[in-house]
Amino acid sequence: MKRRAAVLLAAVVAAMPLLAADAPSTTAASTAAAQPASTPLSRTRGLFIDPKLPAALWVAAHPKDERAAAIRSAISRQPMAHWFTGTSDADVGKAVAAYTRSATAAKMLPVLVAYNLPGRDACGAESAGGAADAASYQTWISRFATAIGARPAIVVLEPDALGDFSCMSQAQIATRLGLLNAATRVLAQKAPKAWTYIDAGHADWISPATMAKRLLSAGVAQVRGFAVNVSNYIGTTDSRRYAERVKAALRRPAGYVIDTSRNGNGGNGQWCNPGGRKLGRQSTANPAALELWITNPGNSDGKCGIAPTTGAGVFSPALAQRLIAGK
């Protein structure tokens, strides 16, 4: 996934409350009571911990590895997002339904990432791929949303999508914006109890004013808000400052979420497996400051940096161990 440094916010319907203030980490169980009855937070008692994510599967397969105990405690037992990429799920509808159904049965709130736009990661290329064409994507995202249905969920929509314009033609950009508009519409219609956030890059990539324009063009007014720092390492304070500036540029009420999965030491200007990074604050469903592990710590950004032979999205115990230790 490309996260190039260079010189976010989502408008939502006016009736929705803001999610912008800085607040200490807490669980949904301690905050849900204060939320309107219709919100995904009030309908659940915490964030879902998926036992089938890469770190958990690695720990289960390597119980005698000396790294397993630390990875189990620090990573695999923490709530984080499940990524749906198209290539990894032969039938996205069945996969999303099974995941959200498991979370609902446990009365927990699942976090999903939809990452399947045609030509995704166009400029970075480490996570290149996605749907074959626009029609295929529209079918895929419709099945994705339908499978969530009336279940409560948080959805992060298409990381990189609005930052990755530099190598794209105007026609490609227009197609991408059209697909994002279609995605926000279908999610609003078919997953009405989900809070959807369009990815809006990070603080070292696109200027707040430019990102605000792109979010509006992508149909952000139809969903809950936007996400910042997905798959990057920039600290929470800087990420929140950036998000607030995007919100100001939008001039509309909005919510946002921050990916804190790997930002414990802040960023160093590198986006692809940089050394010296650290796990960030654990996910919180506090409505005043949604901080989520959207990226799965230990998963490689691509064949680069300190993991030159590990492909994008592949779990590496060595990467996980370094994030735990901050090395």
Protein backbone atom coordinates (compact mmCIF):
# COMPACT_ATOMS: atom_id res chain seq x y z
CA MET A 1 0.00 0.00 0.00
CA LYS A 2 1.34 3.37 -0.97
CA ARG A 3 1.69 6.11 1.65
CA ARG A 4 3.96 8.65 -0.03
CA ALA A 5 5.00 11.76 1.97
CA ALA A 6 4.09 15.10 0.32
CA VAL A 7 2.69 18.59 0.96
CA LEU A 8 -8.74 14.41 5.28
CA LEU A 9 -12.64 14.82 6.49
CA ALA A 10 -15.79 13.72 5.71
CA ALA A 11 -18.99 15.55 5.56
CA VAL A 12 -21.86 13.65 7.05
CA VAL A 13 -25.51 14.37 7.36
CA ALA A 14 -26.09 17.21 9.76
CA ALA A 15 -27.99 15.08 12.23
CA MET A 16 -24.93 12.97 13.04
CA PRO A 17 -22.77 13.97 16.03
CA LEU A 18 -19.10 14.90 15.80
CA LEU A 19 -16.26 12.52 16.63
CA ALA A 20 -13.28 14.80 17.02
CA ALA A 21 -12.18 15.47 20.58
CA ASP A 22 -9.07 13.98 22.11
CA ALA A 23 -9.92 11.52 24.86
CA PRO A 24 -8.28 8.68 26.78
CA SER A 25 -8.60 5.11 25.56
CA THR A 26 -11.68 3.25 26.75
CA THR A 27 -13.97 0.46 25.63
CA ALA A 28 -17.34 0.62 23.98
CA ALA A 29 -18.86 -1.03 27.03
CA SER A 30 -18.11 2.02 29.17
CA THR A 31 -19.35 4.55 26.62
CA ALA A 32 -22.23 2.94 24.77
CA ALA A 33 -24.84 3.96 27.33
CA ALA A 34 -24.36 7.62 26.46
CA GLN A 35 -25.00 7.01 22.74
CA PRO A 36 -28.29 7.25 20.86
CA ALA A 37 -29.98 3.86 20.62
CA SER A 38 -29.47 3.68 16.86
CA THR A 39 -25.67 3.81 16.83
CA PRO A 40 -23.39 0.81 16.34
CA LEU A 41 -21.68 1.67 19.62
CA SER A 42 -24.87 1.47 21.65
CA ARG A 43 -25.84 -1.83 20.05
CA THR A 44 -22.58 -3.56 21.01
CA ARG A 45 -20.39 -3.95 24.08
CA GLY A 46 -16.90 -3.54 22.64
CA LEU A 47 -14.76 -4.03 19.56
CA PHE A 48 -14.61 -7.49 18.03
CA ILE A 49 -11.41 -9.54 18.35
CA ASP A 50 -11.14 -11.75 15.29
CA PRO A 51 -9.47 -15.11 16.05
CA LYS A 52 -8.81 -15.67 12.34
CA LEU A 53 -6.61 -12.66 11.60
CA PRO A 54 -2.98 -13.31 10.55
CA ALA A 55 -1.28 -12.75 13.92
CA ALA A 56 -3.71 -15.05 15.73
CA LEU A 57 -3.36 -17.74 13.09
CA TRP A 58 0.44 -17.54 13.28
CA VAL A 59 0.41 -17.84 17.08
CA ALA A 60 -1.91 -20.85 16.89
CA ALA A 61 0.38 -22.52 14.36
CA HIS A 62 3.61 -21.76 16.27
CA PRO A 63 2.82 -22.25 19.99
CA LYS A 64 6.39 -23.19 20.86
CA ASP A 65 8.04 -20.27 19.08
CA GLU A 66 9.75 -18.02 21.63
CA ARG A 67 8.01 -15.00 20.07
CA ALA A 68 4.50 -16.44 20.31
CA ALA A 69 3.64 -15.34 23.86
CA ALA A 70 4.52 -11.70 23.24
CA ILE A 71 2.72 -11.60 19.89
CA ARG A 72 -0.35 -13.22 21.45
CA SER A 73 -0.50 -10.72 24.29
CA ALA A 74 0.44 -7.54 22.43
CA ILE A 75 -1.20 -8.11 19.04
CA SER A 76 -3.39 -11.14 18.39
CA ARG A 77 -5.65 -10.54 21.41
CA GLN A 78 -6.32 -6.93 20.42
CA PRO A 79 -9.31 -5.79 18.34
CA MET A 80 -8.40 -4.71 14.83
CA ALA A 81 -9.89 -4.50 11.36
CA HIS A 82 -10.51 -7.36 8.97
CA TRP A 83 -9.46 -6.45 5.41
CA PHE A 84 -11.59 -7.61 2.49
CA THR A 85 -9.54 -7.30 -0.68
CA GLY A 86 -11.44 -9.20 -3.34
CA THR A 87 -8.53 -11.46 -4.14
CA SER A 88 -8.57 -13.09 -0.70
CA ASP A 89 -12.33 -13.79 -0.61
CA ALA A 90 -13.79 -15.93 -3.37
CA ASP A 91 -17.26 -14.87 -2.30
CA VAL A 92 -17.15 -11.55 -0.49
CA GLY A 93 -20.79 -11.76 0.50
CA LYS A 94 -20.32 -15.03 2.37
CA ALA A 95 -17.08 -13.84 3.95
CA VAL A 96 -18.50 -10.53 5.18
CA ALA A 97 -21.70 -12.16 6.41
CA ALA A 98 -19.77 -14.78 8.36
CA TYR A 99 -17.48 -12.18 9.94
CA THR A 100 -20.19 -9.73 10.94
CA ARG A 101 -22.48 -12.55 12.08
CA SER A 102 -19.77 -13.83 14.43
CA ALA A 103 -19.29 -10.36 15.86
CA THR A 104 -23.02 -9.81 16.30
CA ALA A 105 -23.41 -13.16 18.05
CA ALA A 106 -20.77 -12.01 20.55
CA LYS A 107 -22.47 -8.59 20.80
CA MET A 108 -19.22 -6.99 19.65
CA LEU A 109 -18.57 -4.34 16.99
CA PRO A 110 -16.65 -5.47 13.90
CA VAL A 111 -14.34 -3.21 11.89
CA LEU A 112 -14.09 -3.94 8.16
CA VAL A 113 -11.85 -2.50 5.46
CA ALA A 114 -13.10 -2.56 1.86
CA TYR A 115 -10.00 -2.53 -0.36
CA ASN A 116 -10.78 -3.60 -3.91
CA LEU A 117 -10.96 -0.58 -6.22
CA PRO A 118 -9.71 -1.25 -9.75
CA GLY A 119 -6.10 -0.12 -10.00
CA ARG A 120 -5.72 0.22 -6.23
CA ASP A 121 -2.33 1.41 -4.97
CA ALA A 122 -1.73 2.73 -8.46
CA CYS A 123 1.42 4.68 -7.64
CA GLY A 124 2.94 2.65 -4.82
CA ALA A 125 2.20 -0.69 -6.49
CA GLU A 126 3.06 -2.85 -3.45
CA SER A 127 -0.63 -3.70 -3.02
CA ALA A 128 -1.56 -3.42 -6.69
CA GLY A 129 -4.64 -5.24 -7.86
CA GLY A 130 -8.30 -4.85 -7.10
CA ALA A 131 -11.41 -5.54 -9.12
CA ALA A 132 -10.99 -6.17 -12.84
CA ASP A 133 -13.15 -3.21 -13.88
CA ALA A 134 -15.75 -0.74 -12.70
CA ALA A 135 -18.69 -3.10 -13.17
CA SER A 136 -16.97 -5.84 -11.19
CA TYR A 137 -16.26 -3.43 -8.35
CA GLN A 138 -19.85 -2.24 -8.20
CA THR A 139 -21.01 -5.84 -7.91
CA TRP A 140 -18.39 -6.55 -5.25
CA ILE A 141 -19.17 -3.52 -3.06
CA SER A 142 -22.90 -4.18 -3.36
CA ARG A 143 -22.39 -7.73 -2.07
CA PHE A 144 -20.10 -6.39 0.66
CA ALA A 145 -22.73 -3.91 1.87
CA THR A 146 -25.64 -6.33 1.53
CA ALA A 147 -23.80 -8.88 3.65
CA ILE A 148 -23.44 -6.36 6.50
CA GLY A 149 -27.13 -5.55 6.23
CA ALA A 150 -28.67 -4.25 9.45
CA ARG A 151 -25.79 -5.40 11.65
CA PRO A 152 -23.74 -2.72 13.46
CA ALA A 153 -20.27 -2.23 12.00
CA ILE A 154 -17.50 0.23 11.25
CA VAL A 155 -16.31 0.30 7.63
CA VAL A 156 -13.12 1.94 6.36
CA LEU A 157 -13.52 2.49 2.65
CA GLU A 158 -10.66 2.09 0.18
CA PRO A 159 -7.29 3.04 1.69
CA ASP A 160 -5.09 5.10 -0.69
CA ALA A 161 -8.04 5.95 -2.90
CA LEU A 162 -7.95 9.75 -2.55
CA GLY A 163 -4.23 10.21 -2.01
CA ASP A 164 -2.98 8.10 -4.89
CA PHE A 165 -3.68 10.50 -7.78
CA SER A 166 -0.18 11.56 -8.86
CA CYS A 167 0.33 8.81 -11.46
CA MET A 168 -3.30 8.60 -12.61
CA SER A 169 -4.90 10.23 -15.64
CA GLN A 170 -7.86 12.55 -15.29
CA ALA A 171 -10.09 9.85 -16.76
CA GLN A 172 -8.86 7.33 -14.20
CA ILE A 173 -9.43 9.82 -11.38
CA ALA A 174 -12.95 10.54 -12.59
CA THR A 175 -13.72 6.82 -12.73
CA ARG A 176 -12.36 6.32 -9.22
CA LEU A 177 -14.44 9.19 -7.82
CA GLY A 178 -17.52 7.78 -9.51
CA LEU A 179 -16.92 4.36 -7.97
CA LEU A 180 -16.43 5.85 -4.51
CA ASN A 181 -19.71 7.73 -4.89
CA ALA A 182 -21.40 4.47 -5.85
CA ALA A 183 -19.80 2.73 -2.87
CA THR A 184 -20.94 5.35 -0.37
CA ARG A 185 -24.47 5.22 -1.75
CA VAL A 186 -24.73 1.46 -1.59
CA LEU A 187 -23.26 1.32 1.92
CA ALA A 188 -25.71 3.98 3.13
CA GLN A 189 -28.62 2.11 1.59
CA LYS A 190 -27.74 -1.51 2.27
CA ALA A 191 -25.73 -1.22 5.51
CA PRO A 192 -27.68 1.53 7.28
CA LYS A 193 -26.45 0.62 10.78
CA ALA A 194 -22.78 0.80 9.78
CA TRP A 195 -20.58 3.85 10.21
CA THR A 196 -18.53 4.26 7.02
CA TYR A 197 -15.35 6.33 6.80
CA ILE A 198 -13.65 7.11 3.47
CA ASP A 199 -9.87 6.90 3.69
CA ALA A 200 -8.28 10.34 3.52
CA GLY A 201 -4.55 9.71 3.55
CA HIS A 202 -2.29 11.06 6.25
CA ALA A 203 -0.71 14.25 7.53
CA ASP A 204 2.39 14.07 5.32
CA TRP A 205 0.70 13.35 2.03
CA ILE A 206 -2.07 15.64 0.73
CA SER A 207 -2.91 19.15 1.93
CA PRO A 208 -6.08 19.46 4.05
CA ALA A 209 -7.81 21.75 1.54
CA THR A 210 -7.12 19.41 -1.37
CA MET A 211 -8.19 16.36 0.58
CA ALA A 212 -11.41 18.04 1.63
CA LYS A 213 -12.27 18.71 -2.02
CA ARG A 214 -11.51 15.12 -2.93
CA LEU A 215 -13.66 13.79 -0.10
CA LEU A 216 -16.59 15.91 -1.20
CA SER A 217 -16.14 14.71 -4.79
CA ALA A 218 -16.08 11.13 -3.54
CA GLY A 219 -19.48 11.43 -1.87
CA VAL A 220 -18.41 11.69 1.73
CA ALA A 221 -21.62 13.53 2.62
CA GLN A 222 -23.43 10.22 2.27
CA VAL A 223 -21.45 8.47 5.04
CA ARG A 224 -20.20 8.99 8.58
CA GLY A 225 -16.81 10.53 7.90
CA PHE A 226 -13.21 9.75 7.03
CA ALA A 227 -10.17 7.84 8.24
CA VAL A 228 -6.60 9.08 8.63
CA ASN A 229 -3.19 7.42 8.94
CA VAL A 230 -4.34 4.04 7.62
CA SER A 231 -1.24 1.86 7.17
CA ASN A 232 1.02 4.72 8.16
CA TYR A 233 3.00 5.59 11.28
CA ILE A 234 2.31 9.25 12.03
CA GLY A 235 1.59 10.01 15.68
CA THR A 236 -1.92 10.47 17.00
CA THR A 237 -1.51 14.14 17.88
CA ASP A 238 -0.30 15.05 14.39
CA SER A 239 -2.96 12.85 12.80
CA ARG A 240 -5.73 14.49 14.80
CA ARG A 241 -4.40 17.95 13.94
CA TYR A 242 -4.48 17.04 10.26
CA ALA A 243 -8.00 15.63 10.51
CA GLU A 244 -9.25 18.77 12.22
CA ARG A 245 -7.77 20.90 9.43
CA VAL A 246 -9.48 18.82 6.80
CA LYS A 247 -12.73 19.15 8.72
CA ALA A 248 -12.33 22.90 8.82
CA ALA A 249 -11.75 22.95 5.07
CA LEU A 250 -14.92 20.94 4.52
CA ARG A 251 -16.96 23.42 6.57
CA ARG A 252 -19.41 20.70 7.53
CA PRO A 253 -19.98 18.44 10.55
CA ALA A 254 -17.94 15.26 10.31
CA GLY A 255 -16.53 12.32 12.17
CA TYR A 256 -13.15 10.71 11.73
CA VAL A 257 -11.13 7.75 12.91
CA ILE A 258 -7.36 7.45 13.37
CA ASP A 259 -5.30 4.34 12.72
CA THR A 260 -3.10 4.00 15.81
CA SER A 261 -1.89 0.47 15.13
CA ARG A 262 1.76 1.31 14.47
CA ASN A 263 2.24 4.94 15.45
CA GLY A 264 3.67 4.60 18.96
CA ASN A 265 6.98 6.16 17.92
CA GLY A 266 5.50 8.45 15.27
CA GLY A 267 6.63 8.45 11.65
CA ASN A 268 10.05 8.92 10.10
CA GLY A 269 8.99 9.88 6.57
CA GLN A 270 8.99 6.31 5.28
CA TRP A 271 5.79 4.44 4.49
CA CYS A 272 6.98 0.93 3.64
CA ASN A 273 8.21 -1.20 6.56
CA PRO A 274 10.37 1.44 8.26
CA GLY A 275 12.47 0.41 11.21
CA GLY A 276 12.15 1.85 14.70
CA ARG A 277 8.34 1.99 14.74
CA LYS A 278 6.16 0.81 17.61
CA LEU A 279 2.63 -0.33 18.42
CA GLY A 280 0.31 2.58 19.17
CA ARG A 281 -2.55 2.96 21.60
CA GLN A 282 -4.99 0.08 21.50
CA SER A 283 -8.30 0.43 19.70
CA THR A 284 -11.01 2.33 21.49
CA ALA A 285 -14.68 2.69 20.69
CA ASN A 286 -14.93 5.93 22.66
CA PRO A 287 -17.27 7.99 20.44
CA ALA A 288 -15.34 11.16 21.21
CA ALA A 289 -12.13 9.83 19.71
CA LEU A 290 -12.31 6.69 17.63
CA GLU A 291 -8.78 5.29 17.55
CA LEU A 292 -8.60 1.95 15.81
CA TRP A 293 -6.06 -0.63 14.80
CA ILE A 294 -7.05 -0.57 11.15
CA THR A 295 -3.77 -2.01 9.92
CA ASN A 296 -2.91 -5.44 11.33
CA PRO A 297 0.45 -5.02 13.12
CA GLY A 298 3.02 -7.46 11.83
CA ASN A 299 1.58 -7.50 8.31
CA SER A 300 4.12 -6.29 5.77
CA ASP A 301 3.60 -3.11 3.74
CA GLY A 302 5.38 -4.77 0.82
CA LYS A 303 8.78 -6.07 -0.21
CA CYS A 304 10.63 -3.10 1.16
CA GLY A 305 12.30 -1.55 4.18
CA ILE A 306 13.17 -4.02 6.92
CA ALA A 307 11.15 -6.80 5.23
CA PRO A 308 12.48 -6.83 1.64
CA THR A 309 11.27 -10.37 0.91
CA THR A 310 7.83 -10.26 2.58
CA GLY A 311 4.92 -9.37 0.33
CA ALA A 312 2.22 -6.84 1.18
CA GLY A 313 -0.31 -8.15 3.67
CA VAL A 314 1.76 -11.15 4.72
CA PHE A 315 2.26 -11.55 8.46
CA SER A 316 5.87 -11.49 9.66
CA PRO A 317 6.68 -12.45 13.27
CA ALA A 318 9.92 -10.50 12.91
CA LEU A 319 8.01 -7.33 12.01
CA ALA A 320 5.58 -7.96 14.87
CA GLN A 321 8.40 -8.43 17.34
CA ARG A 322 10.05 -5.17 16.26
CA LEU A 323 6.77 -3.28 16.66
CA ILE A 324 6.34 -4.68 20.16
CA ALA A 325 9.87 -3.67 21.14
CA GLY A 326 9.90 -0.38 19.22
CA LYS A 327 12.97 -1.35 17.20
